[in-house]
């Protein structure tokens, strides 16, 4: 999913850059550094917003082993890319500073919700701001190009190299600026996401991350503090996965909450907001019909209407 790739790509540049600065300044502990790198925080309160507990299952832990990296590179979908995008991907792999396979996770989500945020990562970022769990901004410049600002000194451009049902590949050219350093720290990250959809409503996805630093010195420092940045990347992948599961559940249980959030979003095209609301209505109606079919209740127009208290609940949640 594009949103997973794009936000991790930009954030990893910040995480590694900040860690380099912090390491040199020796002002924070490792735990402080890890906490500062969170993209979003989907906590127990987020579960309460949709009325049900949300959780993802870790099928295998993250790893940076050479064996896994070698296999990932050999299976990379170069053959599905244009010649230009293939050349971009090869240049990053050939100049690799860091590799990480993030934890393989299983989450419960409607496939349409998952693919919506693949197509519209800027909407997900705008929802984060509406929920007041992030200040990150993402602006679509074209069908495959986004500009991102994390509001902590890191900015970048995210380019979609490949988007198929089985493979999502994006790159990010990130730059970190701070009064603590003389020159901006630059990094190039590439993410390869591989989702597998099951008929029972779950998605298993795996993400390979490739990072290259133009500066050999920064690359060396980044490798030194990689245990910290790896933990941050692993946790961020889980948090963003939780967000997708939360939105899917909200679409089927609390459509009024989704509508309130959608009306609070900004920086996205009006058509994207309409598409989100239309998808939410479809998923909600299907969920109600399925539940009533299981209980032999006759489906009526009234029974399909969302709970009247939802809007009032959202007012207190989304403030």
Protein backbone atom coordinates (compact mmCIF):
# COMPACT_ATOMS: atom_id res chain seq x y z
CA UNK A 1 0.00 0.00 0.00
CA UNK A 2 1.30 3.35 -1.07
CA UNK A 3 0.62 5.08 2.23
CA UNK A 4 2.70 2.55 4.12
CA UNK A 5 5.55 2.87 1.70
CA UNK A 6 5.41 6.60 1.26
CA UNK A 7 5.28 7.56 4.91
CA UNK A 8 7.91 5.04 5.96
CA UNK A 9 10.13 6.23 3.12
CA UNK A 10 9.99 9.84 4.23
CA UNK A 11 10.11 8.98 7.91
CA UNK A 12 13.09 6.65 7.64
CA UNK A 13 15.09 9.53 6.20
CA UNK A 14 14.18 11.59 9.25
CA UNK A 15 14.76 8.73 11.66
CA UNK A 16 18.23 7.97 10.35
CA UNK A 17 19.16 11.62 9.99
CA UNK A 18 17.96 12.50 13.46
CA UNK A 19 19.66 9.46 14.92
CA UNK A 20 22.94 10.52 13.32
CA UNK A 21 22.65 13.97 14.84
CA UNK A 22 21.58 12.60 18.21
CA UNK A 23 24.34 10.02 18.22
CA UNK A 24 26.95 12.68 17.62
CA UNK A 25 25.44 15.00 20.22
CA UNK A 26 24.86 12.14 22.72
CA UNK A 27 21.94 13.97 24.30
CA UNK A 28 19.25 11.25 24.33
CA UNK A 29 18.97 7.62 25.31
CA UNK A 30 18.15 4.91 22.78
CA UNK A 31 14.60 4.66 24.08
CA UNK A 32 14.08 8.40 23.66
CA UNK A 33 15.32 8.17 20.10
CA UNK A 34 12.99 5.27 19.32
CA UNK A 35 9.95 7.09 20.68
CA UNK A 36 10.67 10.25 18.68
CA UNK A 37 10.46 8.36 15.40
CA UNK A 38 6.81 7.37 15.49
CA UNK A 39 4.78 8.37 12.43
CA UNK A 40 1.38 7.94 14.08
CA UNK A 41 0.20 6.40 17.32
CA UNK A 42 -2.83 4.13 17.06
CA UNK A 43 -3.56 3.41 20.72
CA UNK A 44 -6.35 1.81 22.74
CA UNK A 45 -8.32 5.06 22.42
CA UNK A 46 -8.41 4.48 18.68
CA UNK A 47 -10.09 1.13 19.31
CA UNK A 48 -12.73 2.87 21.38
CA UNK A 49 -13.52 5.22 18.50
CA UNK A 50 -14.72 2.34 16.32
CA UNK A 51 -16.26 0.39 19.17
CA UNK A 52 -14.09 -2.70 18.85
CA UNK A 53 -10.54 -3.72 19.65
CA UNK A 54 -8.10 -3.57 16.76
CA UNK A 55 -4.92 -5.59 16.50
CA UNK A 56 -2.58 -7.00 13.89
CA UNK A 57 -0.82 -10.35 14.04
CA UNK A 58 2.94 -10.60 13.56
CA UNK A 59 3.63 -13.69 11.46
CA UNK A 60 7.39 -13.21 11.35
CA UNK A 61 9.70 -10.59 12.92
CA UNK A 62 11.70 -8.00 11.02
CA UNK A 63 15.16 -8.96 9.79
CA UNK A 64 18.19 -7.45 8.04
CA UNK A 65 19.93 -10.72 7.26
CA UNK A 66 22.06 -11.03 4.13
CA UNK A 67 20.22 -14.19 3.11
CA UNK A 68 16.83 -12.45 3.15
CA UNK A 69 18.26 -9.39 1.40
CA UNK A 70 19.76 -11.52 -1.36
CA UNK A 71 16.47 -13.34 -1.89
CA UNK A 72 14.51 -10.06 -1.88
CA UNK A 73 16.78 -8.55 -4.54
CA UNK A 74 16.55 -11.67 -6.70
CA UNK A 75 12.73 -11.57 -6.54
CA UNK A 76 12.39 -7.82 -7.09
CA UNK A 77 9.81 -7.14 -9.86
CA UNK A 78 12.10 -5.31 -12.28
CA UNK A 79 10.37 -7.06 -15.18
CA UNK A 80 7.10 -5.29 -14.40
CA UNK A 81 8.61 -1.80 -14.51
CA UNK A 82 9.24 0.67 -17.27
CA UNK A 83 12.88 0.99 -18.32
CA UNK A 84 13.19 4.34 -16.54
CA UNK A 85 11.73 3.08 -13.27
CA UNK A 86 13.79 -0.10 -13.49
CA UNK A 87 16.95 2.00 -13.82
CA UNK A 88 15.93 4.03 -10.74
CA UNK A 89 15.36 0.90 -8.68
CA UNK A 90 18.65 -0.67 -9.80
CA UNK A 91 20.60 2.47 -8.90
CA UNK A 92 19.31 2.32 -5.32
CA UNK A 93 19.99 -1.40 -4.91
CA UNK A 94 23.48 -1.02 -6.37
CA UNK A 95 24.31 1.81 -3.93
CA UNK A 96 22.61 0.22 -0.92
CA UNK A 97 23.50 1.46 2.57
CA UNK A 98 20.80 -0.32 4.58
CA UNK A 99 18.29 -3.10 4.00
CA UNK A 100 15.40 -4.13 6.22
CA UNK A 101 12.53 -6.58 5.81
CA UNK A 102 9.88 -5.29 8.19
CA UNK A 103 7.72 -7.72 10.18
CA UNK A 104 5.26 -9.75 8.12
CA UNK A 105 1.83 -8.74 9.43
CA UNK A 106 -1.71 -10.02 9.10
CA UNK A 107 -4.60 -7.58 9.49
CA UNK A 108 -8.35 -7.73 9.09
CA UNK A 109 -9.51 -5.28 6.44
CA UNK A 110 -11.82 -5.00 3.50
CA UNK A 111 -9.69 -5.23 0.38
CA UNK A 112 -11.40 -2.16 -1.07
CA UNK A 113 -10.36 -0.10 1.94
CA UNK A 114 -6.78 -1.34 1.67
CA UNK A 115 -6.62 -0.50 -2.02
CA UNK A 116 -8.30 2.88 -1.53
CA UNK A 117 -5.43 4.04 0.66
CA UNK A 118 -3.01 2.54 -1.82
CA UNK A 119 -4.46 4.82 -4.43
CA UNK A 120 -4.93 7.83 -2.14
CA UNK A 121 -2.15 8.01 0.48
CA UNK A 122 -2.72 11.77 0.75
CA UNK A 123 -6.20 11.08 2.16
CA UNK A 124 -4.76 8.85 4.88
CA UNK A 125 -2.29 11.57 5.86
CA UNK A 126 -5.06 14.16 5.94
CA UNK A 127 -7.14 11.87 8.17
CA UNK A 128 -4.19 11.62 10.57
CA UNK A 129 -4.20 15.40 10.86
CA UNK A 130 -7.97 15.44 11.38
CA UNK A 131 -7.51 12.89 14.19
CA UNK A 132 -4.70 15.05 15.58
CA UNK A 133 -2.26 12.16 15.69
CA UNK A 134 0.19 13.58 13.13
CA UNK A 135 1.29 16.86 11.54
CA UNK A 136 2.62 15.22 8.38
CA UNK A 137 1.50 16.76 5.10
CA UNK A 138 1.33 15.01 1.72
CA UNK A 139 0.30 16.75 -1.48
CA UNK A 140 -0.41 15.00 -4.76
CA UNK A 141 1.39 16.59 -7.69
CA UNK A 142 0.50 13.99 -10.30
CA UNK A 143 -0.83 10.45 -10.55
CA UNK A 144 2.49 9.04 -9.36
CA UNK A 145 4.22 11.92 -7.54
CA UNK A 146 3.68 13.31 -4.04
CA UNK A 147 5.44 15.96 -1.98
CA UNK A 148 5.70 15.29 1.75
CA UNK A 149 6.64 17.42 4.76
CA UNK A 150 6.86 15.83 8.21
CA UNK A 151 6.99 19.25 9.93
CA UNK A 152 10.10 18.32 11.89
CA UNK A 153 12.74 19.34 9.39
CA UNK A 154 12.27 16.50 6.93
CA UNK A 155 10.76 16.94 3.48
CA UNK A 156 10.75 14.74 0.43
CA UNK A 157 9.25 13.67 -2.86
CA UNK A 158 7.60 10.28 -3.19
CA UNK A 159 7.49 8.62 -6.61
CA UNK A 160 5.39 5.55 -7.41
CA UNK A 161 7.46 3.17 -9.54
CA UNK A 162 5.02 0.26 -9.64
CA UNK A 163 1.44 -0.30 -8.54
CA UNK A 164 -0.14 -3.70 -9.22
CA UNK A 165 -2.43 -5.85 -7.06
CA UNK A 166 0.60 -7.85 -5.85
CA UNK A 167 3.44 -5.33 -5.87
CA UNK A 168 3.75 -1.72 -4.77
CA UNK A 169 7.10 0.02 -5.16
CA UNK A 170 7.78 3.64 -4.26
CA UNK A 171 10.90 5.72 -3.80
CA UNK A 172 11.47 8.76 -1.64
CA UNK A 173 14.17 11.38 -1.93
CA UNK A 174 14.26 12.82 1.59
CA UNK A 175 16.18 15.71 3.09
CA UNK A 176 16.62 16.64 6.74
CA UNK A 177 17.54 20.16 7.86
CA UNK A 178 18.41 21.25 11.38
CA UNK A 179 20.26 24.13 13.07
CA UNK A 180 22.42 21.43 14.67
CA UNK A 181 24.03 20.49 11.35
CA UNK A 182 25.71 22.61 8.68
CA UNK A 183 24.44 20.78 5.61
CA UNK A 184 21.16 18.95 4.97
CA UNK A 185 21.31 15.18 5.34
CA UNK A 186 19.95 13.43 2.27
CA UNK A 187 18.71 9.88 1.82
CA UNK A 188 16.98 7.83 -0.84
CA UNK A 189 14.62 5.08 0.28
CA UNK A 190 12.77 2.48 -1.77
CA UNK A 191 9.93 0.35 -0.44
CA UNK A 192 8.57 -2.86 -1.95
CA UNK A 193 5.24 -3.91 -0.46
CA UNK A 194 3.74 -7.32 -1.23
CA UNK A 195 0.15 -7.86 -0.02
CA UNK A 196 -1.70 -11.17 -0.16
CA UNK A 197 -5.49 -11.03 0.09
CA UNK A 198 -7.51 -13.92 1.48
CA UNK A 199 -11.20 -14.69 1.06
CA UNK A 200 -11.83 -14.47 4.81
CA UNK A 201 -11.19 -10.71 4.90
CA UNK A 202 -7.57 -10.67 6.01
CA UNK A 203 -4.49 -9.25 4.33
CA UNK A 204 -0.95 -10.48 4.89
CA UNK A 205 1.66 -7.98 3.82
CA UNK A 206 5.43 -7.87 3.72
CA UNK A 207 7.63 -4.82 3.15
CA UNK A 208 11.25 -4.67 2.01
CA UNK A 209 13.05 -1.39 2.61
CA UNK A 210 16.19 -0.26 0.76
CA UNK A 211 18.01 2.90 1.87
CA UNK A 212 20.92 4.67 0.17
CA UNK A 213 22.87 7.69 1.44
CA UNK A 214 24.78 9.89 -1.02
CA UNK A 215 27.28 10.62 1.77
CA UNK A 216 29.49 7.62 2.73
CA UNK A 217 30.08 9.14 6.18
CA UNK A 218 26.35 9.43 6.91
CA UNK A 219 25.83 5.92 5.56
CA UNK A 220 28.42 4.58 7.99
CA UNK A 221 26.76 6.32 10.93
CA UNK A 222 23.36 5.09 9.78
CA UNK A 223 24.58 1.50 9.83
CA UNK A 224 25.97 2.04 13.31
CA UNK A 225 22.61 3.17 14.70
CA UNK A 226 20.50 0.83 12.54
CA UNK A 227 19.29 -1.22 15.56
CA UNK A 228 17.45 1.92 16.70
CA UNK A 229 16.08 2.87 13.29
CA UNK A 230 15.03 -0.73 12.63
CA UNK A 231 12.88 -0.79 15.76
CA UNK A 232 11.27 2.49 14.74
CA UNK A 233 10.54 1.28 11.21
CA UNK A 234 9.09 -2.01 12.49
CA UNK A 235 6.80 -0.21 14.91
CA UNK A 236 5.68 2.35 12.35
CA UNK A 237 4.74 -0.43 9.94
CA UNK A 238 2.55 -1.95 12.64
CA UNK A 239 0.94 1.39 13.53
CA UNK A 240 0.07 2.19 9.92
CA UNK A 241 -1.33 -1.33 9.50
CA UNK A 242 -3.49 -0.73 12.57
CA UNK A 243 -4.73 2.48 10.99
CA UNK A 244 -5.89 0.63 7.87
CA UNK A 245 -7.66 -1.99 9.97
CA UNK A 246 -9.27 0.73 12.07
CA UNK A 247 -10.59 2.55 8.99
CA UNK A 248 -11.97 -0.66 7.51
CA UNK A 249 -13.76 -1.47 10.76
CA UNK A 250 -15.07 2.10 11.03
CA UNK A 251 -16.50 1.92 7.53
CA UNK A 252 -18.53 -1.16 8.46
CA UNK A 253 -19.51 -0.11 12.00
CA UNK A 254 -19.22 3.69 12.37
CA UNK A 255 -19.80 5.37 8.97
CA UNK A 256 -20.78 8.61 10.69
CA UNK A 257 -17.33 8.79 12.28
CA UNK A 258 -15.68 8.34 8.89
CA UNK A 259 -17.90 11.04 7.40
CA UNK A 260 -17.00 13.48 10.17
CA UNK A 261 -13.31 12.85 9.64
CA UNK A 262 -13.67 13.18 5.88
CA UNK A 263 -15.31 16.58 6.32
CA UNK A 264 -12.39 17.70 8.48
CA UNK A 265 -9.72 16.70 5.97
CA UNK A 266 -7.86 19.21 3.81
CA UNK A 267 -5.24 19.16 1.11
CA UNK A 268 -6.97 16.45 -0.92
CA UNK A 269 -9.04 16.63 -4.07
CA UNK A 270 -12.85 16.84 -3.55
CA UNK A 271 -13.27 13.77 -5.75
CA UNK A 272 -11.12 11.77 -3.33
CA UNK A 273 -13.36 12.70 -0.41
CA UNK A 274 -16.45 11.69 -2.38
CA UNK A 275 -14.83 8.38 -3.26
CA UNK A 276 -14.07 7.71 0.41
CA UNK A 277 -17.67 8.43 1.44
CA UNK A 278 -19.07 6.30 -1.37
CA UNK A 279 -16.84 3.38 -0.39
CA UNK A 280 -17.80 3.78 3.26
CA UNK A 281 -21.51 3.62 2.37
CA UNK A 282 -20.99 0.49 0.27
CA UNK A 283 -19.04 -1.33 2.96
CA UNK A 284 -21.49 -0.30 5.70
CA UNK A 285 -24.59 -1.41 3.76
CA UNK A 286 -22.97 -4.75 2.90
CA UNK A 287 -21.99 -5.28 6.55
CA UNK A 288 -25.54 -4.57 7.77
CA UNK A 289 -27.07 -6.86 5.17
CA UNK A 290 -24.66 -9.65 6.06
CA UNK A 291 -25.40 -9.30 9.77
CA UNK A 292 -29.16 -9.29 9.22
CA UNK A 293 -28.94 -12.28 6.91
CA UNK A 294 -27.24 -14.23 9.68
CA UNK A 295 -30.04 -13.36 12.12
CA UNK A 296 -32.99 -13.75 9.71
CA UNK A 297 -33.91 -10.07 10.06
CA UNK A 298 -35.66 -8.45 7.10
CA UNK A 299 -33.54 -5.70 5.55
CA UNK A 300 -35.30 -2.31 5.37
CA UNK A 301 -34.20 1.22 4.52
CA UNK A 302 -34.44 2.17 8.18
CA UNK A 303 -32.31 -0.74 9.28
CA UNK A 304 -29.56 0.34 6.90
CA UNK A 305 -29.27 3.83 8.34
CA UNK A 306 -26.17 4.36 10.52
CA UNK A 307 -26.59 4.83 14.30
CA UNK A 308 -27.89 8.33 15.13
CA UNK A 309 -25.47 8.71 18.01
CA UNK A 310 -22.44 8.31 15.79
CA UNK A 311 -22.17 11.99 14.83
CA UNK A 312 -22.36 13.11 18.46
CA UNK A 313 -19.68 10.63 19.40
CA UNK A 314 -17.44 11.85 16.63
CA UNK A 315 -17.75 15.48 17.70
CA UNK A 316 -16.02 14.67 20.98
CA UNK A 317 -13.51 12.31 19.38
CA UNK A 318 -12.36 14.43 16.45
CA UNK A 319 -11.93 17.72 18.29
